[in-house]
N, C-alpha and C. Protein backbone atom coordinates (compact mmCIF):
# COMPACT_ATOMS: atom_id res chain seq x y z
N MET A 1 38.92 39.37 -90.63
CA MET A 1 39.70 38.40 -89.58
C MET A 1 39.22 39.10 -88.29
N VAL A 2 38.92 40.00 -88.10
CA VAL A 2 38.50 40.59 -86.99
C VAL A 2 36.98 40.33 -86.69
N ARG A 3 36.42 40.60 -87.80
CA ARG A 3 35.42 39.74 -88.06
C ARG A 3 34.65 38.46 -87.15
N LYS A 4 35.62 37.51 -87.89
CA LYS A 4 35.48 36.29 -87.58
C LYS A 4 35.97 35.94 -86.16
N THR A 5 36.72 36.63 -85.58
CA THR A 5 37.08 36.49 -84.25
C THR A 5 35.93 36.83 -83.42
N ARG A 6 35.21 38.39 -83.83
CA ARG A 6 34.17 38.62 -82.97
C ARG A 6 33.06 37.52 -83.11
N GLU A 7 32.76 37.00 -84.08
CA GLU A 7 31.88 35.80 -84.46
C GLU A 7 32.06 34.84 -83.42
N SER A 8 33.24 34.18 -83.41
CA SER A 8 34.00 33.37 -82.48
C SER A 8 33.80 33.26 -80.99
N ILE A 9 34.00 34.55 -80.60
CA ILE A 9 33.73 35.06 -79.12
C ILE A 9 31.97 34.97 -78.74
N VAL A 10 31.41 35.39 -80.01
CA VAL A 10 30.21 35.73 -79.50
C VAL A 10 28.99 34.25 -79.68
N THR A 11 29.89 33.16 -80.57
CA THR A 11 29.50 31.69 -80.42
C THR A 11 29.88 31.07 -78.85
N PHE A 12 30.87 31.42 -78.53
CA PHE A 12 31.65 30.83 -77.07
C PHE A 12 30.79 31.25 -76.29
N LEU A 13 30.73 32.72 -75.99
CA LEU A 13 29.65 33.08 -75.21
C LEU A 13 28.17 32.60 -75.28
N ILE A 14 27.76 32.49 -76.37
CA ILE A 14 26.41 31.58 -76.55
C ILE A 14 26.29 30.61 -75.94
N PHE A 15 27.67 29.55 -76.30
CA PHE A 15 27.93 28.34 -75.68
C PHE A 15 27.80 27.99 -74.31
N LEU A 16 28.54 28.96 -73.42
CA LEU A 16 28.62 29.06 -72.37
C LEU A 16 27.40 29.67 -71.74
N PHE A 17 26.55 30.58 -72.10
CA PHE A 17 25.33 30.69 -71.82
C PHE A 17 24.33 29.47 -71.52
N ILE A 18 24.42 28.82 -72.89
CA ILE A 18 23.86 27.38 -72.98
C ILE A 18 24.10 26.33 -71.80
N VAL A 19 25.36 26.12 -71.94
CA VAL A 19 25.98 25.26 -70.60
C VAL A 19 25.57 25.73 -69.38
N ALA A 20 25.78 27.25 -68.84
CA ALA A 20 25.08 27.54 -67.71
C ALA A 20 23.71 27.45 -67.60
N LEU A 21 23.04 27.44 -68.60
CA LEU A 21 21.60 27.25 -68.26
C LEU A 21 21.07 25.68 -67.93
N ILE A 22 21.75 24.72 -69.10
CA ILE A 22 21.91 23.61 -68.90
C ILE A 22 22.19 22.94 -67.49
N GLY A 23 23.36 23.62 -67.16
CA GLY A 23 23.75 23.35 -65.68
C GLY A 23 22.75 23.59 -64.60
N GLY A 24 22.44 25.18 -64.56
CA GLY A 24 21.22 25.68 -63.88
C GLY A 24 20.22 24.86 -63.80
N LEU A 25 19.42 24.27 -64.96
CA LEU A 25 18.62 23.72 -64.90
C LEU A 25 18.67 22.04 -64.15
N PHE A 26 19.75 21.76 -64.40
CA PHE A 26 20.00 20.54 -64.07
C PHE A 26 20.12 20.32 -62.25
N LEU A 27 21.09 21.73 -61.91
CA LEU A 27 20.94 21.60 -60.35
C LEU A 27 19.76 22.05 -60.01
N SER A 28 18.65 22.76 -60.78
CA SER A 28 17.43 23.15 -59.99
C SER A 28 16.30 21.63 -60.04
N VAL A 29 16.51 20.93 -60.84
CA VAL A 29 16.11 19.70 -61.00
C VAL A 29 16.65 18.99 -59.63
N PHE A 30 17.77 18.90 -59.85
CA PHE A 30 18.23 17.75 -58.70
C PHE A 30 18.13 18.59 -57.03
N SER A 31 17.95 19.70 -57.01
CA SER A 31 17.73 20.38 -55.73
C SER A 31 16.30 19.98 -55.27
N PHE A 32 15.20 20.16 -56.46
CA PHE A 32 13.87 19.96 -56.39
C PHE A 32 13.50 18.46 -55.84
N PHE A 33 14.27 17.35 -56.55
CA PHE A 33 14.01 15.93 -56.18
C PHE A 33 14.85 15.99 -54.76
N TYR A 34 16.20 16.44 -54.23
CA TYR A 34 16.67 16.50 -53.13
C TYR A 34 15.80 16.76 -51.95
N TYR A 35 15.13 17.95 -52.28
CA TYR A 35 14.27 18.66 -51.54
C TYR A 35 13.06 17.71 -51.15
N LEU A 36 12.21 16.86 -52.29
CA LEU A 36 11.14 16.02 -51.91
C LEU A 36 11.54 14.90 -51.35
N ASN A 37 12.86 14.50 -51.54
CA ASN A 37 13.44 13.15 -50.89
C ASN A 37 13.62 13.65 -49.38
N GLN A 38 13.94 14.68 -49.04
CA GLN A 38 13.90 15.27 -47.50
C GLN A 38 12.90 15.60 -46.98
N LYS A 39 12.04 16.21 -47.43
CA LYS A 39 10.79 16.04 -47.18
C LYS A 39 10.11 15.22 -46.64
N LYS A 40 10.21 14.02 -47.56
CA LYS A 40 9.69 12.63 -47.44
C LYS A 40 10.11 12.04 -46.09
N GLU A 41 11.59 12.08 -45.96
CA GLU A 41 12.36 11.56 -45.02
C GLU A 41 11.67 12.18 -43.52
N TYR A 42 11.71 13.38 -43.51
CA TYR A 42 11.08 14.16 -42.51
C TYR A 42 10.03 13.93 -41.98
N GLU A 43 8.81 13.72 -42.91
CA GLU A 43 7.61 13.54 -42.65
C GLU A 43 7.49 12.07 -42.17
N LYS A 44 8.32 11.02 -42.53
CA LYS A 44 8.68 9.76 -41.83
C LYS A 44 8.79 9.74 -40.34
N SER A 45 10.01 10.61 -40.43
CA SER A 45 10.54 10.65 -39.10
C SER A 45 9.61 11.35 -37.96
N LEU A 46 8.81 12.41 -38.74
CA LEU A 46 7.72 12.97 -37.72
C LEU A 46 6.68 12.35 -37.41
N THR A 47 6.14 11.20 -38.62
CA THR A 47 4.91 10.29 -38.26
C THR A 47 5.72 9.39 -36.93
N SER A 48 6.76 8.90 -37.17
CA SER A 48 7.51 7.82 -36.35
C SER A 48 7.30 8.25 -34.74
N LEU A 49 8.08 9.70 -35.20
CA LEU A 49 7.87 10.40 -33.40
C LEU A 49 6.57 10.62 -32.99
N GLU A 50 5.57 11.00 -33.60
CA GLU A 50 4.39 10.85 -33.43
C GLU A 50 4.04 9.85 -32.72
N LYS A 51 4.06 8.48 -33.54
CA LYS A 51 3.32 7.29 -32.97
C LYS A 51 4.30 6.97 -31.67
N LYS A 52 5.47 7.35 -31.62
CA LYS A 52 6.03 7.18 -30.19
C LYS A 52 5.33 7.78 -28.98
N ILE A 53 5.43 9.13 -29.36
CA ILE A 53 4.70 9.89 -28.39
C ILE A 53 3.11 9.54 -27.98
N THR A 54 2.60 8.93 -29.25
CA THR A 54 1.37 8.61 -28.42
C THR A 54 1.37 7.17 -27.76
N THR A 55 2.26 6.38 -28.35
CA THR A 55 2.35 5.10 -27.28
C THR A 55 3.09 5.28 -26.05
N LEU A 56 3.77 6.50 -25.54
CA LEU A 56 4.03 6.77 -24.57
C LEU A 56 3.10 7.38 -23.93
N ASN A 57 2.36 8.22 -24.32
CA ASN A 57 1.35 8.96 -23.34
C ASN A 57 0.26 7.62 -23.34
N GLU A 58 -0.03 6.59 -23.91
CA GLU A 58 -0.88 5.52 -23.57
C GLU A 58 -0.24 4.72 -22.30
N ARG A 59 1.00 4.51 -22.41
CA ARG A 59 1.58 3.66 -21.39
C ARG A 59 1.37 4.88 -19.69
N ILE A 60 1.90 5.78 -19.87
CA ILE A 60 1.61 6.89 -18.83
C ILE A 60 0.25 6.69 -18.13
N ASN A 61 -0.87 6.67 -19.27
CA ASN A 61 -1.90 6.49 -18.85
C ASN A 61 -2.25 5.54 -17.79
N ARG A 62 -1.93 4.46 -18.76
CA ARG A 62 -1.98 2.98 -18.06
C ARG A 62 -1.46 2.95 -16.77
N LEU A 63 -0.27 3.51 -16.78
CA LEU A 63 0.71 3.57 -15.37
C LEU A 63 -0.27 4.22 -14.19
N GLU A 64 -0.92 5.88 -14.79
CA GLU A 64 -1.69 6.48 -13.46
C GLU A 64 -2.90 5.44 -13.10
N ASN A 65 -3.32 4.78 -14.20
CA ASN A 65 -4.58 4.06 -14.06
C ASN A 65 -4.09 2.89 -12.98
N PHE A 66 -2.87 2.52 -13.04
CA PHE A 66 -2.59 1.34 -12.22
C PHE A 66 -2.14 1.64 -10.72
N ILE A 67 -1.67 2.88 -10.56
CA ILE A 67 -0.97 3.15 -9.42
C ILE A 67 -1.53 4.54 -8.82
N GLY A 68 -2.52 4.97 -9.56
CA GLY A 68 -3.17 6.25 -9.10
C GLY A 68 -4.24 6.13 -7.98
N PRO A 69 -4.64 7.17 -7.37
CA PRO A 69 -5.84 6.98 -6.23
C PRO A 69 -7.11 6.10 -6.70
N ASN A 70 -7.28 5.21 -6.08
CA ASN A 70 -8.47 4.31 -6.60
C ASN A 70 -8.18 3.21 -7.45
N SER A 71 -6.60 3.21 -7.91
CA SER A 71 -6.01 2.39 -9.17
C SER A 71 -6.37 0.94 -8.57
N THR A 72 -5.77 0.17 -9.43
CA THR A 72 -5.41 -1.54 -8.90
C THR A 72 -4.52 -1.39 -7.98
N MET A 73 -3.39 -0.83 -7.93
CA MET A 73 -2.48 -0.87 -7.11
C MET A 73 -2.82 -0.36 -5.76
N ASP A 74 -3.30 0.82 -5.68
CA ASP A 74 -3.82 1.35 -4.46
C ASP A 74 -4.82 0.59 -3.76
N LYS A 75 -5.79 -0.19 -4.55
CA LYS A 75 -6.42 -1.28 -4.08
C LYS A 75 -5.60 -1.99 -3.08
N LEU A 76 -4.61 -2.90 -4.17
CA LEU A 76 -3.88 -4.17 -3.57
C LEU A 76 -3.21 -3.61 -2.49
N ILE A 77 -2.84 -2.57 -2.28
CA ILE A 77 -2.09 -1.70 -1.30
C ILE A 77 -2.74 -1.62 0.25
N SER A 78 -4.28 -1.47 0.11
CA SER A 78 -5.27 -1.46 0.95
C SER A 78 -5.47 -2.68 1.44
N ILE A 79 -5.75 -3.80 0.46
CA ILE A 79 -5.98 -5.12 0.68
C ILE A 79 -4.97 -5.98 1.73
N SER A 80 -3.77 -5.78 1.25
CA SER A 80 -2.55 -6.02 1.91
C SER A 80 -2.69 -5.55 3.18
N GLY A 81 -2.53 -4.29 3.69
CA GLY A 81 -2.71 -3.68 4.75
C GLY A 81 -3.77 -4.48 5.91
N PHE A 82 -4.86 -4.64 5.17
CA PHE A 82 -5.99 -5.22 5.83
C PHE A 82 -5.92 -6.65 6.17
N LEU A 83 -5.24 -7.30 5.30
CA LEU A 83 -5.18 -8.70 5.68
C LEU A 83 -3.77 -8.67 6.80
N SER A 84 -3.20 -8.06 6.30
CA SER A 84 -1.92 -7.82 7.30
C SER A 84 -2.28 -7.62 8.88
N ASN A 85 -2.99 -6.53 9.00
CA ASN A 85 -3.87 -6.26 10.30
C ASN A 85 -4.69 -7.38 10.73
N THR A 86 -5.55 -8.12 9.72
CA THR A 86 -6.52 -9.24 10.46
C THR A 86 -5.62 -9.94 10.86
N THR A 87 -4.48 -10.55 10.25
CA THR A 87 -3.49 -11.71 10.47
C THR A 87 -2.96 -11.23 12.08
N VAL A 88 -2.42 -10.20 12.04
CA VAL A 88 -1.79 -10.17 13.73
C VAL A 88 -2.94 -10.15 14.40
N ASP A 89 -4.30 -9.41 14.10
CA ASP A 89 -5.17 -9.56 15.19
C ASP A 89 -5.54 -11.06 15.19
N LEU A 90 -5.94 -11.84 14.38
CA LEU A 90 -6.17 -13.22 14.43
C LEU A 90 -5.47 -14.05 15.31
N GLU A 91 -3.89 -13.78 14.98
CA GLU A 91 -2.90 -14.55 16.08
C GLU A 91 -3.21 -13.89 17.31
N ARG A 92 -3.38 -12.76 17.75
CA ARG A 92 -3.32 -12.25 19.13
C ARG A 92 -4.75 -12.94 19.62
N ILE A 93 -5.57 -12.98 19.04
CA ILE A 93 -7.13 -13.63 19.09
C ILE A 93 -6.86 -14.97 19.73
N VAL A 94 -6.32 -15.81 18.96
CA VAL A 94 -5.82 -17.24 19.25
C VAL A 94 -5.08 -17.42 20.24
N GLU A 95 -4.14 -16.44 20.47
CA GLU A 95 -3.17 -16.70 21.74
C GLU A 95 -4.05 -16.48 22.90
N GLU A 96 -4.67 -15.57 22.74
CA GLU A 96 -5.93 -15.15 24.14
C GLU A 96 -6.66 -16.55 24.41
N ILE A 97 -7.18 -16.98 23.16
CA ILE A 97 -8.20 -18.32 23.70
C ILE A 97 -7.18 -19.47 24.06
N TYR A 98 -6.37 -19.72 23.23
CA TYR A 98 -5.47 -21.01 23.64
C TYR A 98 -4.88 -21.01 25.18
N ASP A 99 -5.28 -22.01 25.68
CA ASP A 99 -4.63 -22.04 27.24
C ASP A 99 -4.53 -23.80 27.46
N ASP A 100 -3.16 -23.96 27.43
CA ASP A 100 -2.85 -25.56 27.57
C ASP A 100 -2.36 -25.60 29.01
N PRO A 101 -3.34 -26.50 29.87
CA PRO A 101 -2.81 -26.59 31.36
C PRO A 101 -1.58 -27.68 31.51
N THR A 102 -1.22 -28.03 30.26
CA THR A 102 0.11 -28.95 30.41
C THR A 102 1.12 -28.17 30.26
N THR A 103 1.33 -27.00 29.97
CA THR A 103 2.43 -26.05 29.77
C THR A 103 2.39 -24.95 30.71
N GLY A 104 3.76 -24.74 31.00
CA GLY A 104 3.62 -23.32 31.74
C GLY A 104 4.38 -22.18 31.24
N TYR A 105 3.71 -21.03 31.68
CA TYR A 105 4.13 -19.72 31.07
C TYR A 105 3.76 -18.82 32.09
N ILE A 106 4.06 -17.43 31.73
CA ILE A 106 4.06 -16.28 32.43
C ILE A 106 3.34 -15.18 31.52
N ARG A 107 2.78 -14.17 32.03
CA ARG A 107 2.36 -12.90 31.21
C ARG A 107 2.90 -11.60 32.15
N LEU A 108 3.17 -10.57 31.48
CA LEU A 108 3.40 -9.34 32.16
C LEU A 108 2.36 -8.23 32.20
N PHE A 109 2.07 -7.62 33.22
CA PHE A 109 0.99 -6.89 33.22
C PHE A 109 1.92 -5.23 33.80
N VAL A 110 1.82 -4.35 33.11
CA VAL A 110 2.36 -3.20 33.21
C VAL A 110 1.43 -1.94 33.92
N MET A 111 1.65 -1.92 35.13
CA MET A 111 0.80 -0.79 36.01
C MET A 111 1.62 0.64 35.74
N GLY A 112 0.35 1.54 35.82
CA GLY A 112 0.66 2.97 35.76
C GLY A 112 0.25 3.38 34.27
N GLN A 113 0.82 4.53 33.98
CA GLN A 113 0.85 5.54 32.82
C GLN A 113 2.10 5.43 31.50
N GLU A 114 3.13 4.69 32.36
CA GLU A 114 4.37 4.85 31.83
C GLU A 114 4.95 3.51 30.76
N ASN A 115 5.41 3.60 29.89
CA ASN A 115 5.88 2.30 29.03
C ASN A 115 7.15 1.69 30.03
N VAL A 116 7.21 0.36 29.71
CA VAL A 116 8.53 -0.25 30.65
C VAL A 116 9.23 -0.92 29.54
N TRP A 117 10.44 -1.08 29.63
CA TRP A 117 11.31 -1.83 28.54
C TRP A 117 11.54 -3.24 29.59
N VAL A 118 11.59 -4.16 29.16
CA VAL A 118 11.47 -5.37 29.81
C VAL A 118 12.51 -6.20 28.90
N THR A 119 13.29 -7.13 29.70
CA THR A 119 14.42 -8.07 28.57
C THR A 119 14.39 -9.28 29.25
N PHE A 120 14.42 -10.49 28.55
CA PHE A 120 14.54 -11.66 29.08
C PHE A 120 15.99 -12.10 28.11
N ARG A 121 16.54 -12.61 28.93
CA ARG A 121 18.18 -13.34 28.59
C ARG A 121 18.53 -14.14 29.62
N LYS A 122 19.64 -14.96 28.77
CA LYS A 122 20.44 -15.82 29.62
C LYS A 122 22.01 -15.68 28.92
N ASN A 123 22.97 -15.45 29.97
CA ASN A 123 24.33 -15.12 29.38
C ASN A 123 24.09 -13.95 28.50
N GLU A 124 24.60 -14.41 27.49
CA GLU A 124 24.45 -13.48 26.04
C GLU A 124 23.58 -13.36 25.21
N THR A 125 22.45 -14.46 25.35
CA THR A 125 21.07 -14.83 24.34
C THR A 125 20.15 -13.97 24.93
N ILE A 126 19.63 -13.36 24.17
CA ILE A 126 18.61 -12.34 24.56
C ILE A 126 17.25 -12.72 23.79
N TYR A 127 16.06 -13.39 24.60
CA TYR A 127 15.17 -13.81 23.94
C TYR A 127 13.92 -12.95 23.73
N PHE A 128 14.18 -12.02 24.33
CA PHE A 128 13.11 -10.83 24.42
C PHE A 128 13.72 -9.30 25.08
N SER A 129 13.31 -8.33 24.10
CA SER A 129 13.80 -7.08 24.91
C SER A 129 12.66 -6.12 23.93
N ARG A 130 11.92 -5.63 24.78
CA ARG A 130 11.04 -4.29 24.04
C ARG A 130 10.40 -3.86 25.18
N GLU A 131 9.91 -2.75 24.48
CA GLU A 131 9.11 -1.66 25.58
C GLU A 131 7.54 -2.19 25.40
N LEU A 132 7.18 -2.36 26.45
CA LEU A 132 5.88 -2.49 27.12
C LEU A 132 4.85 -1.55 27.12
N LYS A 133 3.62 -1.34 26.86
CA LYS A 133 2.60 -0.12 27.12
C LYS A 133 2.02 -0.89 28.29
N PRO A 134 1.60 0.35 28.91
CA PRO A 134 0.58 -0.06 30.10
C PRO A 134 -0.30 -0.90 29.87
N GLY A 135 -1.00 -2.00 30.75
CA GLY A 135 -1.91 -2.90 30.59
C GLY A 135 -1.20 -4.31 30.60
N LEU A 136 -2.03 -5.25 29.96
CA LEU A 136 -1.77 -6.35 30.02
C LEU A 136 -1.12 -6.49 28.56
N ALA A 137 0.38 -7.19 28.65
CA ALA A 137 1.12 -7.66 27.34
C ALA A 137 0.44 -8.57 26.54
N PRO A 138 0.48 -8.36 25.04
CA PRO A 138 -0.27 -9.94 24.43
C PRO A 138 0.64 -11.05 24.48
N TYR A 139 2.02 -11.07 25.21
CA TYR A 139 2.89 -12.22 24.91
C TYR A 139 2.82 -13.17 26.03
N LYS A 140 3.23 -14.36 25.52
CA LYS A 140 3.13 -15.81 26.69
C LYS A 140 4.52 -16.36 26.53
N PHE A 141 5.18 -15.96 27.87
CA PHE A 141 6.66 -16.48 28.00
C PHE A 141 6.42 -18.03 28.52
N TYR A 142 6.65 -18.85 27.49
CA TYR A 142 6.57 -20.46 27.98
C TYR A 142 7.91 -20.73 28.92
N TYR A 143 7.94 -21.26 29.79
CA TYR A 143 9.09 -21.63 30.59
C TYR A 143 8.82 -23.38 30.69
N PHE A 144 7.63 -23.73 30.59
CA PHE A 144 7.83 -25.17 30.61
C PHE A 144 6.91 -25.76 29.25
N LYS A 145 7.28 -26.78 28.30
CA LYS A 145 7.19 -27.31 27.12
C LYS A 145 6.50 -26.07 26.31
N SER A 146 6.71 -26.53 24.96
CA SER A 146 6.41 -25.56 24.19
C SER A 146 4.98 -25.77 23.78
N PRO A 147 4.13 -24.75 23.23
CA PRO A 147 2.79 -24.54 23.52
C PRO A 147 2.53 -25.44 21.91
N ALA A 148 1.33 -25.91 21.98
CA ALA A 148 0.68 -26.78 20.80
C ALA A 148 0.50 -25.79 19.58
N VAL A 149 -0.18 -24.78 20.03
CA VAL A 149 -0.69 -23.41 19.17
C VAL A 149 0.35 -22.36 19.18
N GLN A 150 1.29 -21.98 18.03
CA GLN A 150 2.34 -20.94 18.18
C GLN A 150 1.89 -19.74 17.19
N THR A 151 1.86 -18.50 17.78
CA THR A 151 1.57 -17.52 17.32
C THR A 151 2.87 -16.56 17.33
N GLU A 152 3.09 -15.44 16.64
CA GLU A 152 4.15 -14.65 17.10
C GLU A 152 4.20 -14.06 18.32
N TYR A 153 3.14 -14.16 19.38
CA TYR A 153 3.00 -13.89 20.48
C TYR A 153 3.58 -15.07 21.53
N SER A 154 3.95 -15.87 21.05
CA SER A 154 4.29 -17.18 21.66
C SER A 154 5.65 -17.25 21.84
N LEU A 155 6.18 -17.05 23.11
CA LEU A 155 7.53 -17.08 23.03
C LEU A 155 8.42 -17.73 24.12
N GLU A 156 9.33 -18.77 23.75
CA GLU A 156 10.23 -19.61 24.82
C GLU A 156 11.10 -19.39 25.22
N ILE A 157 11.37 -19.20 26.74
CA ILE A 157 12.48 -19.06 27.20
C ILE A 157 12.97 -19.75 28.38
N PRO A 158 14.19 -19.67 28.89
CA PRO A 158 14.52 -20.97 29.58
C PRO A 158 14.35 -20.47 31.06
N ARG A 159 13.78 -21.81 31.68
CA ARG A 159 13.26 -21.35 33.08
C ARG A 159 14.26 -21.01 34.07
N ASP A 160 15.61 -20.90 33.66
CA ASP A 160 16.38 -20.09 34.76
C ASP A 160 16.79 -18.88 34.12
N CYS A 161 16.16 -18.19 33.15
CA CYS A 161 16.58 -16.79 32.53
C CYS A 161 16.23 -15.58 33.64
N THR A 162 17.32 -14.93 33.05
CA THR A 162 17.36 -13.39 33.80
C THR A 162 16.26 -12.58 33.08
N ILE A 163 15.58 -11.69 33.94
CA ILE A 163 14.95 -10.60 33.24
C ILE A 163 15.14 -9.17 34.21
N VAL A 164 15.50 -8.30 33.24
CA VAL A 164 15.72 -6.88 33.46
C VAL A 164 14.59 -5.91 33.50
N ILE A 165 14.39 -5.60 34.12
CA ILE A 165 12.93 -4.46 34.36
C ILE A 165 13.43 -3.13 34.41
N GLY A 166 13.28 -2.11 33.42
CA GLY A 166 13.28 -0.79 33.06
C GLY A 166 13.06 0.00 34.39
N LYS A 167 11.71 -0.20 34.89
CA LYS A 167 11.06 0.62 36.03
C LYS A 167 10.64 -0.19 37.08
N PRO A 168 11.50 -0.47 37.86
CA PRO A 168 11.06 -1.55 39.21
C PRO A 168 10.12 -1.31 39.56
N GLY A 169 8.99 -1.96 40.03
CA GLY A 169 7.68 -1.78 40.96
C GLY A 169 6.51 -1.75 40.08
N LEU A 170 6.69 -1.56 38.45
CA LEU A 170 5.66 -1.60 37.68
C LEU A 170 5.61 -2.43 36.74
N VAL A 171 5.80 -3.63 37.07
CA VAL A 171 5.39 -5.02 36.08
C VAL A 171 5.41 -6.12 37.17
N SER A 172 4.14 -6.57 36.78
CA SER A 172 3.57 -7.75 37.68
C SER A 172 3.66 -8.92 36.65
N PHE A 173 4.08 -10.16 37.20
CA PHE A 173 4.13 -11.53 36.44
C PHE A 173 2.94 -12.19 36.92
N LEU A 174 2.45 -12.47 35.93
CA LEU A 174 1.01 -13.56 36.11
C LEU A 174 1.45 -14.78 35.77
N VAL A 175 1.58 -15.77 36.66
CA VAL A 175 2.06 -17.18 36.39
C VAL A 175 1.01 -18.10 36.08
N TYR A 176 1.07 -18.41 35.14
CA TYR A 176 -0.09 -19.79 34.47
C TYR A 176 0.79 -21.23 34.73
N GLY A 177 0.36 -21.61 35.89
CA GLY A 177 1.40 -23.04 36.48
C GLY A 177 0.76 -23.87 35.81
N VAL A 178 1.72 -25.17 36.08
CA VAL A 178 1.60 -26.07 35.22
C VAL A 178 0.53 -27.00 35.88
N GLY A 179 -0.51 -27.75 35.15
CA GLY A 179 -1.27 -28.77 35.68
C GLY A 179 -2.65 -28.37 36.33
N THR A 180 -2.83 -27.08 35.77
CA THR A 180 -4.16 -26.67 36.66
C THR A 180 -4.90 -25.38 35.59
N ARG A 181 -6.17 -25.69 35.70
CA ARG A 181 -7.02 -24.49 34.67
C ARG A 181 -7.57 -23.20 35.53
N TYR A 182 -7.03 -23.15 36.68
CA TYR A 182 -7.36 -22.16 37.31
C TYR A 182 -6.17 -20.88 37.22
N HIS A 183 -6.28 -20.09 35.93
CA HIS A 183 -5.13 -19.14 35.89
C HIS A 183 -5.55 -17.87 35.90
N PRO A 184 -4.74 -16.93 36.54
CA PRO A 184 -3.08 -17.03 36.66
C PRO A 184 -3.43 -17.85 38.30
N THR A 185 -2.35 -18.73 38.39
CA THR A 185 -2.16 -19.20 39.80
C THR A 185 -1.31 -18.67 40.70
N LYS A 186 -0.59 -17.31 40.17
CA LYS A 186 0.15 -16.54 40.98
C LYS A 186 0.57 -15.22 40.22
N ILE A 187 0.19 -14.17 41.19
CA ILE A 187 0.64 -12.96 40.81
C ILE A 187 1.74 -12.25 41.61
N VAL A 188 2.76 -11.76 40.94
CA VAL A 188 3.95 -11.34 41.69
C VAL A 188 4.39 -9.74 41.07
N THR A 189 4.15 -8.85 41.82
CA THR A 189 4.78 -7.97 41.63
C THR A 189 6.16 -7.31 42.01
N TRP A 190 7.27 -7.35 41.07
CA TRP A 190 8.78 -7.52 41.45
C TRP A 190 9.01 -5.99 41.75
N LYS A 191 9.81 -5.80 42.76
CA LYS A 191 10.08 -4.40 43.56
C LYS A 191 11.46 -3.93 42.65
N ASP A 192 12.39 -5.12 42.65
CA ASP A 192 13.84 -5.01 42.11
C ASP A 192 13.75 -4.61 40.63
N ALA A 193 15.02 -4.19 40.04
CA ALA A 193 14.70 -4.23 38.82
C ALA A 193 15.62 -5.31 37.75
N LYS A 194 15.91 -6.60 38.69
CA LYS A 194 16.26 -7.57 37.94
C LYS A 194 15.54 -9.04 38.62
N ILE A 195 15.52 -9.95 37.95
CA ILE A 195 15.26 -11.25 38.42
C ILE A 195 16.13 -12.09 37.90
N SER A 196 17.25 -12.61 39.01
CA SER A 196 18.42 -13.57 38.46
C SER A 196 17.91 -14.74 37.81
N ASN A 197 17.10 -15.13 38.38
CA ASN A 197 16.66 -16.80 37.98
C ASN A 197 15.13 -16.74 38.19
N LEU A 198 14.65 -17.18 36.93
CA LEU A 198 13.12 -16.91 36.93
C LEU A 198 12.36 -18.24 37.93
N GLU A 199 13.01 -19.36 37.47
CA GLU A 199 12.31 -20.23 38.38
C GLU A 199 12.64 -20.56 39.88
N ALA A 200 13.54 -19.98 40.22
CA ALA A 200 13.85 -19.74 41.82
C ALA A 200 12.93 -18.53 42.35
N ASP A 201 13.33 -17.08 41.56
CA ASP A 201 12.98 -16.24 42.32
C ASP A 201 11.30 -15.97 42.36
N LEU A 202 10.77 -16.88 41.35
CA LEU A 202 9.26 -16.87 41.60
C LEU A 202 8.90 -18.19 42.05
N SER A 203 9.44 -18.99 42.35
CA SER A 203 9.43 -20.28 43.00
C SER A 203 8.20 -21.01 42.06
N LEU A 204 8.82 -21.06 41.01
CA LEU A 204 7.79 -22.08 40.03
C LEU A 204 7.95 -23.60 40.11
N TYR A 205 6.46 -24.00 39.93
CA TYR A 205 6.50 -25.21 40.17
C TYR A 205 6.44 -25.89 38.54
N ILE A 206 7.95 -26.61 38.61
CA ILE A 206 8.05 -27.65 37.08
C ILE A 206 8.41 -28.97 37.38
N PRO A 207 7.40 -29.81 36.81
CA PRO A 207 7.49 -31.17 36.97
C PRO A 207 8.75 -31.96 36.54
N LYS A 208 9.56 -32.51 37.46
CA LYS A 208 10.75 -33.02 36.90
C LYS A 208 10.30 -34.22 35.74
């Protein structure tokens, strides 16, 4: 009886050992295939990430080539600035050349070495207010008829407007009267800080 019991225990232990061996082998195989699957997924993710990094680097390089020194954008900005300056210069040249005797306008000449602030207004409306540098200002202030050729330097003002001068005695008014090609027809240096009525104070001739 005791011998049979021992044989049963040994058989049970052998059975457990075989079951454990089979279970361990199964787990090892499962772990191996799980590892292979995870490695494959990792390699796929790594490959995808490398592609994204490569694409990003290419985009960065293209962007640097587009906006860096001597790039397309840099050249476009330079061309834009050149065209802008050229346009302004051309408008000023056109304004200087154009002179219609059927219109009446005045120009300003700032004497001395200091900038002078000048404002043209009528009641609450301001037509011009700017600091002018010494010398002949590029603007023409038309008090009679609109010019046929208009630039950014062509400014229309009421004939009875008020002019405020920041530094009295430093601004001369060059009057280009109506109906004559001998310009300017009059030069007036105003000693006060204000011209109350342009037409009356400068005795402008304006056809009725």
